[in-house]
Amino acid sequence: QPTPCRTFSSALIAMEVAVTCHGAPSESLLSVRAAQGPRRQAAVSHIKPGAAPLRVAVAGAEVGHPVPVHVSLLQPLARARLALRSSCEARSYAVELLPGCKVFFTVRPAGALRPVGEISTTASDEFGGGMTGHLLQSLLRTVVRERPGNPFEFLADQFRLECNA
C-alpha cells in the first residue's frame, strides 16, 4: 500500500530520499543535499546495499517539479579526533592533519548560557564536581561515535591534551 503524501499546501509535499552506495571505497564519504535542505553525510561502509540507507528529508517540494539533488563522493586525506572541553571562555585549538597542514579553530559559548542537565550525582560526587564528569561523558560519547582503533590510547591522548591545556 503506497504511503500517502503529507502536504503543506495544495502544491507542496514532504518527501524523503533514501540513499545507498555500491562500489565506492569503504573509507569514502557520501554527501547528499536535496533541494535547499541540509547536507547529510555518511561513511560509505554504513550505507551499502542491505544496510540502512542514508535518509535525506525534502520539505516543501512542488508537486510535479524536479527536486535538485547534489551528491558528492569524498575521499578523506587525513583525520584527527579530539574532545573539546566546554568552557565559559574561548579556547583555541590546532590540529595537524598532514605535515605542514594545520587546522585552527576557536570554541566559545554561543549566545546566553543555558543550564546543562544534571549528570549522575554519583559521577559528580566521585569526580569532584560536574566539569570532570562532563568531560568524561564527552570523551566516552566520542569513543562510541568515532570508534577509534585503540580507544584506550585515544582516551590517554585526550587526557594528556587536557593536562597541557
N, C-alpha and C. Protein backbone atom coordinates (compact mmCIF):
# COMPACT_ATOMS: atom_id res chain seq x y z
N GLN A 1 0.84 -1.17 0.00
CA GLN A 1 0.00 0.00 0.00
C GLN A 1 0.89 1.24 0.00
N PRO A 2 0.71 2.14 -0.97
CA PRO A 2 1.55 3.33 -1.05
C PRO A 2 1.33 4.25 0.14
N THR A 3 2.41 4.92 0.53
CA THR A 3 2.35 5.88 1.62
C THR A 3 1.70 7.16 1.11
N PRO A 4 0.71 7.71 1.81
CA PRO A 4 0.08 8.95 1.33
C PRO A 4 1.04 10.13 1.47
N CYS A 5 0.86 11.11 0.59
CA CYS A 5 1.69 12.32 0.64
C CYS A 5 1.26 13.18 1.81
N ARG A 6 2.24 13.74 2.51
CA ARG A 6 1.96 14.73 3.56
C ARG A 6 2.11 16.09 2.89
N THR A 7 1.05 16.83 2.78
CA THR A 7 1.09 18.10 2.05
C THR A 7 1.15 19.28 3.00
N PHE A 8 1.85 20.33 2.56
CA PHE A 8 1.91 21.59 3.29
C PHE A 8 0.85 22.55 2.77
N SER A 9 0.61 22.50 1.49
CA SER A 9 -0.45 23.27 0.85
C SER A 9 -0.88 22.44 -0.34
N SER A 10 -1.71 22.97 -1.19
CA SER A 10 -2.21 22.17 -2.31
C SER A 10 -1.11 21.80 -3.30
N ALA A 11 0.02 22.52 -3.33
CA ALA A 11 1.05 22.25 -4.33
C ALA A 11 2.37 21.76 -3.75
N LEU A 12 2.50 21.67 -2.42
CA LEU A 12 3.77 21.28 -1.81
C LEU A 12 3.62 19.97 -1.04
N ILE A 13 4.64 19.11 -1.12
CA ILE A 13 4.62 17.85 -0.37
C ILE A 13 5.95 17.67 0.35
N ALA A 14 5.96 16.80 1.35
CA ALA A 14 7.18 16.43 2.05
C ALA A 14 7.64 15.10 1.47
N MET A 15 8.93 14.96 1.20
CA MET A 15 9.49 13.74 0.64
C MET A 15 10.72 13.34 1.43
N GLU A 16 11.15 12.11 1.20
CA GLU A 16 12.38 11.60 1.80
C GLU A 16 13.15 10.87 0.72
N VAL A 17 14.43 11.14 0.62
CA VAL A 17 15.30 10.46 -0.33
C VAL A 17 16.13 9.46 0.47
N ALA A 18 16.06 8.18 0.12
CA ALA A 18 16.85 7.13 0.78
C ALA A 18 18.00 6.76 -0.16
N VAL A 19 19.23 6.84 0.34
CA VAL A 19 20.41 6.65 -0.50
C VAL A 19 21.25 5.48 0.01
N THR A 20 21.64 4.59 -0.90
CA THR A 20 22.63 3.55 -0.59
C THR A 20 23.73 3.68 -1.62
N CYS A 21 24.85 3.07 -1.39
CA CYS A 21 26.01 3.21 -2.28
C CYS A 21 26.63 1.84 -2.52
N HIS A 22 27.08 1.59 -3.74
CA HIS A 22 27.69 0.31 -4.08
C HIS A 22 28.94 0.59 -4.93
N GLY A 23 30.04 -0.06 -4.60
CA GLY A 23 31.24 0.01 -5.43
C GLY A 23 32.24 1.09 -5.07
N ALA A 24 31.91 1.95 -4.12
CA ALA A 24 32.84 3.01 -3.71
C ALA A 24 33.76 2.46 -2.61
N PRO A 25 34.98 2.99 -2.50
CA PRO A 25 35.86 2.55 -1.41
C PRO A 25 35.18 2.76 -0.06
N SER A 26 35.32 1.79 0.85
CA SER A 26 34.59 1.85 2.12
C SER A 26 35.02 3.01 3.01
N GLU A 27 36.22 3.56 2.82
CA GLU A 27 36.63 4.70 3.63
C GLU A 27 36.12 6.03 3.07
N SER A 28 35.40 5.98 1.94
CA SER A 28 34.84 7.19 1.33
C SER A 28 33.67 7.72 2.14
N LEU A 29 33.31 8.94 1.84
CA LEU A 29 32.19 9.60 2.50
C LEU A 29 31.22 10.03 1.40
N LEU A 30 29.95 9.72 1.57
CA LEU A 30 28.93 10.14 0.62
C LEU A 30 28.22 11.35 1.21
N SER A 31 28.12 12.41 0.43
CA SER A 31 27.48 13.65 0.86
C SER A 31 26.30 13.91 -0.05
N VAL A 32 25.11 14.12 0.54
CA VAL A 32 23.89 14.31 -0.25
C VAL A 32 23.16 15.54 0.27
N ARG A 33 22.70 16.35 -0.67
CA ARG A 33 21.87 17.51 -0.32
C ARG A 33 20.72 17.55 -1.32
N ALA A 34 19.51 17.52 -0.81
CA ALA A 34 18.33 17.58 -1.67
C ALA A 34 17.68 18.94 -1.53
N ALA A 35 17.35 19.54 -2.67
CA ALA A 35 16.76 20.88 -2.72
C ALA A 35 17.64 21.84 -1.94
N GLN A 36 17.06 22.67 -1.12
CA GLN A 36 17.84 23.61 -0.32
C GLN A 36 17.96 23.14 1.13
N GLY A 37 17.74 21.86 1.37
CA GLY A 37 17.79 21.30 2.71
C GLY A 37 19.21 21.13 3.21
N PRO A 38 19.34 20.60 4.42
CA PRO A 38 20.67 20.41 5.00
C PRO A 38 21.42 19.28 4.30
N ARG A 39 22.73 19.38 4.29
CA ARG A 39 23.59 18.35 3.72
C ARG A 39 23.69 17.21 4.72
N ARG A 40 23.57 15.98 4.23
CA ARG A 40 23.71 14.79 5.07
C ARG A 40 24.93 14.03 4.56
N GLN A 41 25.73 13.51 5.46
CA GLN A 41 26.93 12.76 5.10
C GLN A 41 26.98 11.47 5.89
N ALA A 42 27.55 10.43 5.26
CA ALA A 42 27.72 9.15 5.94
C ALA A 42 28.88 8.41 5.31
N ALA A 43 29.55 7.60 6.11
CA ALA A 43 30.61 6.75 5.60
C ALA A 43 29.97 5.72 4.68
N VAL A 44 30.59 5.48 3.53
CA VAL A 44 30.06 4.53 2.56
C VAL A 44 29.91 3.15 3.19
N SER A 45 30.79 2.80 4.12
CA SER A 45 30.71 1.50 4.77
C SER A 45 29.41 1.31 5.55
N HIS A 46 28.73 2.41 5.91
CA HIS A 46 27.49 2.32 6.68
C HIS A 46 26.24 2.32 5.82
N ILE A 47 26.35 2.61 4.53
CA ILE A 47 25.15 2.72 3.67
C ILE A 47 25.24 1.82 2.45
N LYS A 48 25.88 0.68 2.58
CA LYS A 48 25.94 -0.28 1.48
C LYS A 48 24.58 -0.95 1.30
N PRO A 49 24.32 -1.53 0.12
CA PRO A 49 23.04 -2.24 -0.08
C PRO A 49 22.83 -3.28 1.01
N GLY A 50 21.63 -3.36 1.51
CA GLY A 50 21.30 -4.28 2.59
C GLY A 50 21.40 -3.62 3.96
N ALA A 51 22.10 -2.49 4.05
CA ALA A 51 22.20 -1.75 5.31
C ALA A 51 21.15 -0.64 5.30
N ALA A 52 20.98 0.01 6.42
CA ALA A 52 20.03 1.13 6.49
C ALA A 52 20.52 2.25 5.58
N PRO A 53 19.66 2.81 4.75
CA PRO A 53 20.09 3.88 3.85
C PRO A 53 20.29 5.21 4.57
N LEU A 54 21.00 6.10 3.93
CA LEU A 54 21.12 7.48 4.40
C LEU A 54 19.82 8.18 4.00
N ARG A 55 19.15 8.78 4.94
CA ARG A 55 17.86 9.41 4.65
C ARG A 55 18.02 10.93 4.64
N VAL A 56 17.50 11.54 3.58
CA VAL A 56 17.59 12.98 3.40
C VAL A 56 16.17 13.52 3.24
N ALA A 57 15.76 14.40 4.12
CA ALA A 57 14.41 14.96 4.07
C ALA A 57 14.33 16.10 3.07
N VAL A 58 13.20 16.17 2.38
CA VAL A 58 12.91 17.28 1.46
C VAL A 58 11.55 17.81 1.86
N ALA A 59 11.51 19.00 2.42
CA ALA A 59 10.24 19.60 2.84
C ALA A 59 9.83 20.64 1.82
N GLY A 60 8.57 20.69 1.51
CA GLY A 60 8.06 21.73 0.63
C GLY A 60 8.43 21.58 -0.82
N ALA A 61 8.49 20.34 -1.34
CA ALA A 61 8.75 20.13 -2.77
C ALA A 61 7.46 20.37 -3.54
N GLU A 62 7.57 21.03 -4.69
CA GLU A 62 6.39 21.30 -5.50
C GLU A 62 6.01 20.04 -6.27
N VAL A 63 4.74 19.70 -6.21
CA VAL A 63 4.25 18.52 -6.91
C VAL A 63 4.48 18.69 -8.41
N GLY A 64 5.09 17.67 -9.04
CA GLY A 64 5.32 17.69 -10.48
C GLY A 64 6.57 18.42 -10.91
N HIS A 65 7.30 19.04 -9.99
CA HIS A 65 8.52 19.77 -10.33
C HIS A 65 9.73 18.96 -9.91
N PRO A 66 10.82 19.04 -10.64
CA PRO A 66 12.03 18.30 -10.25
C PRO A 66 12.62 18.83 -8.94
N VAL A 67 13.21 17.92 -8.18
CA VAL A 67 13.88 18.29 -6.94
C VAL A 67 15.38 18.10 -7.17
N PRO A 68 16.15 19.19 -7.12
CA PRO A 68 17.60 19.03 -7.33
C PRO A 68 18.25 18.28 -6.17
N VAL A 69 19.11 17.32 -6.52
CA VAL A 69 19.84 16.53 -5.52
C VAL A 69 21.32 16.62 -5.88
N HIS A 70 22.13 17.03 -4.93
CA HIS A 70 23.57 17.15 -5.12
C HIS A 70 24.24 16.01 -4.37
N VAL A 71 25.02 15.18 -5.08
CA VAL A 71 25.69 14.03 -4.48
C VAL A 71 27.18 14.16 -4.71
N SER A 72 27.97 13.99 -3.64
CA SER A 72 29.43 14.02 -3.75
C SER A 72 30.00 12.79 -3.06
N LEU A 73 31.01 12.20 -3.68
CA LEU A 73 31.75 11.12 -3.06
C LEU A 73 33.09 11.70 -2.65
N LEU A 74 33.36 11.70 -1.36
CA LEU A 74 34.54 12.36 -0.81
C LEU A 74 35.53 11.33 -0.30
N GLN A 75 36.79 11.60 -0.50
CA GLN A 75 37.85 10.72 -0.02
C GLN A 75 38.63 11.46 1.06
N PRO A 76 38.70 10.92 2.27
CA PRO A 76 39.43 11.63 3.33
C PRO A 76 40.94 11.61 3.06
N LEU A 77 41.56 12.74 3.25
CA LEU A 77 43.02 12.84 3.13
C LEU A 77 43.70 12.60 4.46
N ALA A 78 43.04 13.02 5.51
CA ALA A 78 43.60 12.86 6.86
C ALA A 78 42.46 13.01 7.85
N ARG A 79 42.68 12.47 9.06
CA ARG A 79 41.67 12.56 10.11
C ARG A 79 42.34 12.92 11.43
N ALA A 80 41.58 13.54 12.27
CA ALA A 80 42.02 13.83 13.63
C ALA A 80 40.81 13.74 14.53
N ARG A 81 41.03 13.31 15.75
CA ARG A 81 39.97 13.24 16.74
C ARG A 81 40.42 13.97 17.99
N LEU A 82 39.53 14.72 18.58
CA LEU A 82 39.81 15.32 19.87
C LEU A 82 38.49 15.61 20.55
N ALA A 83 38.51 15.74 21.83
CA ALA A 83 37.33 16.08 22.61
C ALA A 83 37.53 17.50 23.14
N LEU A 84 36.57 18.35 22.85
CA LEU A 84 36.66 19.75 23.27
C LEU A 84 36.05 19.92 24.65
N ARG A 85 36.72 20.67 25.47
CA ARG A 85 36.20 20.93 26.81
C ARG A 85 35.33 22.18 26.76
N SER A 86 34.11 22.05 27.26
CA SER A 86 33.22 23.21 27.28
C SER A 86 33.71 24.18 28.34
N SER A 87 33.55 25.45 28.06
CA SER A 87 34.05 26.47 28.96
C SER A 87 33.30 27.76 28.72
N CYS A 88 33.30 28.62 29.71
CA CYS A 88 32.69 29.95 29.54
C CYS A 88 33.65 30.90 28.84
N GLU A 89 34.86 30.47 28.62
CA GLU A 89 35.86 31.30 27.94
C GLU A 89 36.21 30.68 26.60
N ALA A 90 36.62 31.49 25.66
CA ALA A 90 37.03 31.00 24.34
C ALA A 90 38.33 30.22 24.48
N ARG A 91 38.43 29.13 23.75
CA ARG A 91 39.65 28.31 23.73
C ARG A 91 40.03 28.07 22.28
N SER A 92 41.31 28.09 22.00
CA SER A 92 41.79 27.84 20.65
C SER A 92 42.48 26.49 20.59
N TYR A 93 42.34 25.83 19.46
CA TYR A 93 42.93 24.52 19.23
C TYR A 93 43.61 24.51 17.87
N ALA A 94 44.57 23.63 17.72
CA ALA A 94 45.23 23.41 16.43
C ALA A 94 45.40 21.91 16.25
N VAL A 95 45.09 21.43 15.06
CA VAL A 95 45.22 20.02 14.74
C VAL A 95 46.04 19.91 13.47
N GLU A 96 47.13 19.14 13.52
CA GLU A 96 47.94 18.93 12.32
C GLU A 96 47.42 17.68 11.62
N LEU A 97 46.83 17.89 10.43
CA LEU A 97 46.25 16.78 9.69
C LEU A 97 47.26 16.10 8.78
N LEU A 98 48.09 16.89 8.16
CA LEU A 98 49.17 16.40 7.30
C LEU A 98 50.40 17.23 7.62
N PRO A 99 51.59 16.75 7.30
CA PRO A 99 52.77 17.58 7.55
C PRO A 99 52.62 18.95 6.88
N GLY A 100 52.68 19.99 7.68
CA GLY A 100 52.54 21.35 7.17
C GLY A 100 51.10 21.81 6.99
N CYS A 101 50.14 20.96 7.27
CA CYS A 101 48.72 21.31 7.11
C CYS A 101 48.05 21.28 8.48
N LYS A 102 47.83 22.46 9.04
CA LYS A 102 47.18 22.56 10.35
C LYS A 102 45.81 23.20 10.19
N VAL A 103 44.89 22.77 11.03
CA VAL A 103 43.56 23.36 11.09
C VAL A 103 43.46 24.04 12.45
N PHE A 104 43.12 25.32 12.43
CA PHE A 104 42.99 26.11 13.65
C PHE A 104 41.52 26.44 13.86
N PHE A 105 41.04 26.33 15.07
CA PHE A 105 39.68 26.75 15.35
C PHE A 105 39.58 27.20 16.79
N THR A 106 38.55 28.03 17.02
CA THR A 106 38.29 28.57 18.34
C THR A 106 36.89 28.16 18.75
N VAL A 107 36.75 27.71 19.98
CA VAL A 107 35.46 27.31 20.53
C VAL A 107 35.10 28.31 21.61
N ARG A 108 33.89 28.84 21.53
CA ARG A 108 33.43 29.81 22.53
C ARG A 108 31.94 29.61 22.74
N PRO A 109 31.41 30.07 23.87
CA PRO A 109 29.97 29.94 24.12
C PRO A 109 29.18 30.68 23.06
N ALA A 110 28.07 30.09 22.66
CA ALA A 110 27.20 30.73 21.68
C ALA A 110 25.99 31.29 22.40
N GLY A 111 25.80 32.60 22.37
CA GLY A 111 24.64 33.22 22.98
C GLY A 111 24.64 33.07 24.49
N ALA A 112 23.46 33.14 25.05
CA ALA A 112 23.31 33.03 26.50
C ALA A 112 23.58 31.60 26.96
N LEU A 113 24.19 31.48 28.11
CA LEU A 113 24.45 30.15 28.66
C LEU A 113 23.16 29.55 29.16
N ARG A 114 22.97 28.27 28.86
CA ARG A 114 21.80 27.56 29.35
C ARG A 114 22.26 26.50 30.33
N PRO A 115 21.45 26.22 31.34
CA PRO A 115 21.84 25.17 32.29
C PRO A 115 21.88 23.82 31.59
N VAL A 116 22.89 23.03 31.89
CA VAL A 116 23.04 21.70 31.33
C VAL A 116 22.37 20.72 32.27
N GLY A 117 21.71 19.69 31.71
CA GLY A 117 21.04 18.69 32.54
C GLY A 117 22.03 18.06 33.51
N GLU A 118 21.53 17.66 34.64
CA GLU A 118 22.38 17.06 35.67
C GLU A 118 22.98 15.76 35.19
N ILE A 119 24.25 15.58 35.43
CA ILE A 119 24.84 14.27 35.23
C ILE A 119 24.58 13.48 36.49
N SER A 120 24.87 12.22 36.49
CA SER A 120 24.55 11.41 37.66
C SER A 120 25.28 11.98 38.88
N THR A 121 24.58 12.04 40.00
CA THR A 121 25.18 12.59 41.21
C THR A 121 26.38 11.78 41.64
N THR A 122 26.35 10.49 41.36
CA THR A 122 27.48 9.65 41.73
C THR A 122 28.73 10.11 41.00
N ALA A 123 28.62 10.31 39.67
CA ALA A 123 29.78 10.76 38.90
C ALA A 123 30.21 12.14 39.36
N SER A 124 29.24 13.03 39.63
CA SER A 124 29.56 14.37 40.06
C SER A 124 30.30 14.36 41.40
N ASP A 125 29.81 13.56 42.35
CA ASP A 125 30.46 13.48 43.66
C ASP A 125 31.81 12.78 43.56
N GLU A 126 31.83 11.68 42.83
CA GLU A 126 33.03 10.85 42.76
C GLU A 126 34.20 11.58 42.11
N PHE A 127 33.90 12.40 41.09
CA PHE A 127 34.98 13.06 40.37
C PHE A 127 35.16 14.50 40.77
N GLY A 128 34.58 14.92 41.87
CA GLY A 128 34.86 16.25 42.39
C GLY A 128 34.21 17.37 41.64
N GLY A 129 32.98 17.23 41.22
CA GLY A 129 32.28 18.32 40.55
C GLY A 129 31.84 17.91 39.16
N GLY A 130 30.96 18.72 38.58
CA GLY A 130 30.36 18.40 37.30
C GLY A 130 31.27 18.49 36.10
N MET A 131 32.26 19.40 36.11
CA MET A 131 33.08 19.60 34.91
C MET A 131 33.85 18.34 34.53
N THR A 132 34.42 17.66 35.48
CA THR A 132 35.16 16.44 35.17
C THR A 132 34.20 15.38 34.66
N GLY A 133 33.04 15.27 35.27
CA GLY A 133 32.03 14.32 34.82
C GLY A 133 31.59 14.61 33.40
N HIS A 134 31.38 15.90 33.06
CA HIS A 134 31.00 16.27 31.70
C HIS A 134 32.12 15.94 30.72
N LEU A 135 33.36 16.16 31.12
CA LEU A 135 34.49 15.83 30.26
C LEU A 135 34.52 14.33 29.98
N LEU A 136 34.33 13.52 31.02
CA LEU A 136 34.32 12.07 30.85
C LEU A 136 33.17 11.63 29.95
N GLN A 137 32.00 12.20 30.16
CA GLN A 137 30.86 11.86 29.30
C GLN A 137 31.16 12.22 27.85
N SER A 138 31.72 13.39 27.63
CA SER A 138 32.04 13.83 26.27
C SER A 138 33.05 12.89 25.62
N LEU A 139 34.09 12.52 26.37
CA LEU A 139 35.10 11.61 25.83
C LEU A 139 34.49 10.25 25.49
N LEU A 140 33.66 9.73 26.38
CA LEU A 140 33.05 8.42 26.12
C LEU A 140 32.10 8.47 24.94
N ARG A 141 31.34 9.56 24.80
CA ARG A 141 30.48 9.71 23.63
C ARG A 141 31.31 9.73 22.35
N THR A 142 32.44 10.42 22.38
CA THR A 142 33.32 10.49 21.22
C THR A 142 33.86 9.11 20.87
N VAL A 143 34.25 8.33 21.86
CA VAL A 143 34.76 6.98 21.62
C VAL A 143 33.68 6.11 20.98
N VAL A 144 32.46 6.19 21.50
CA VAL A 144 31.37 5.39 20.96
C VAL A 144 31.05 5.81 19.52
N ARG A 145 31.03 7.11 19.26
CA ARG A 145 30.67 7.61 17.93
C ARG A 145 31.78 7.37 16.91
N GLU A 146 33.03 7.66 17.27
CA GLU A 146 34.14 7.60 16.33
C GLU A 146 34.77 6.21 16.20
N ARG A 147 34.66 5.39 17.25
CA ARG A 147 35.22 4.03 17.27
C ARG A 147 36.70 4.00 16.87
N PRO A 148 37.56 4.68 17.63
CA PRO A 148 38.99 4.66 17.29
C PRO A 148 39.55 3.24 17.41
N GLY A 149 40.60 2.96 16.64
CA GLY A 149 41.21 1.64 16.65
C GLY A 149 41.61 1.19 18.04
N ASN A 150 42.23 2.08 18.81
CA ASN A 150 42.62 1.77 20.18
C ASN A 150 41.98 2.82 21.09
N PRO A 151 40.80 2.52 21.63
CA PRO A 151 40.10 3.53 22.43
C PRO A 151 40.86 3.97 23.67
N PHE A 152 41.65 3.08 24.26
CA PHE A 152 42.39 3.47 25.46
C PHE A 152 43.50 4.46 25.11
N GLU A 153 44.17 4.23 24.00
CA GLU A 153 45.21 5.17 23.55
C GLU A 153 44.58 6.52 23.22
N PHE A 154 43.42 6.50 22.55
CA PHE A 154 42.71 7.73 22.23
C PHE A 154 42.38 8.51 23.50
N LEU A 155 41.81 7.81 24.51
CA LEU A 155 41.47 8.48 25.77
C LEU A 155 42.71 9.03 26.46
N ALA A 156 43.80 8.24 26.47
CA ALA A 156 45.04 8.71 27.10
C ALA A 156 45.54 9.98 26.40
N ASP A 157 45.49 10.01 25.06
CA ASP A 157 45.92 11.21 24.32
C ASP A 157 45.06 12.41 24.70
N GLN A 158 43.75 12.20 24.83
CA GLN A 158 42.86 13.31 25.18
C GLN A 158 43.13 13.82 26.58
N PHE A 159 43.41 12.90 27.53
CA PHE A 159 43.75 13.33 28.89
C PHE A 159 45.08 14.10 28.90
N ARG A 160 46.05 13.67 28.11
CA ARG A 160 47.33 14.40 28.02
C ARG A 160 47.09 15.81 27.47
N LEU A 161 46.26 15.93 26.43
CA LEU A 161 45.94 17.26 25.87
C LEU A 161 45.27 18.13 26.93
N GLU A 162 44.35 17.55 27.70
CA GLU A 162 43.64 18.29 28.74
C GLU A 162 44.58 18.78 29.83
N CYS A 163 45.56 17.94 30.20
CA CYS A 163 46.52 18.32 31.25
C CYS A 163 47.39 19.48 30.79
N ASN A 164 47.68 19.53 29.49
CA ASN A 164 48.55 20.58 28.95
C ASN A 164 47.80 21.85 28.61
N ALA A 165 46.43 21.80 28.67
CA ALA A 165 45.64 22.98 28.30
C ALA A 165 45.67 24.04 29.38
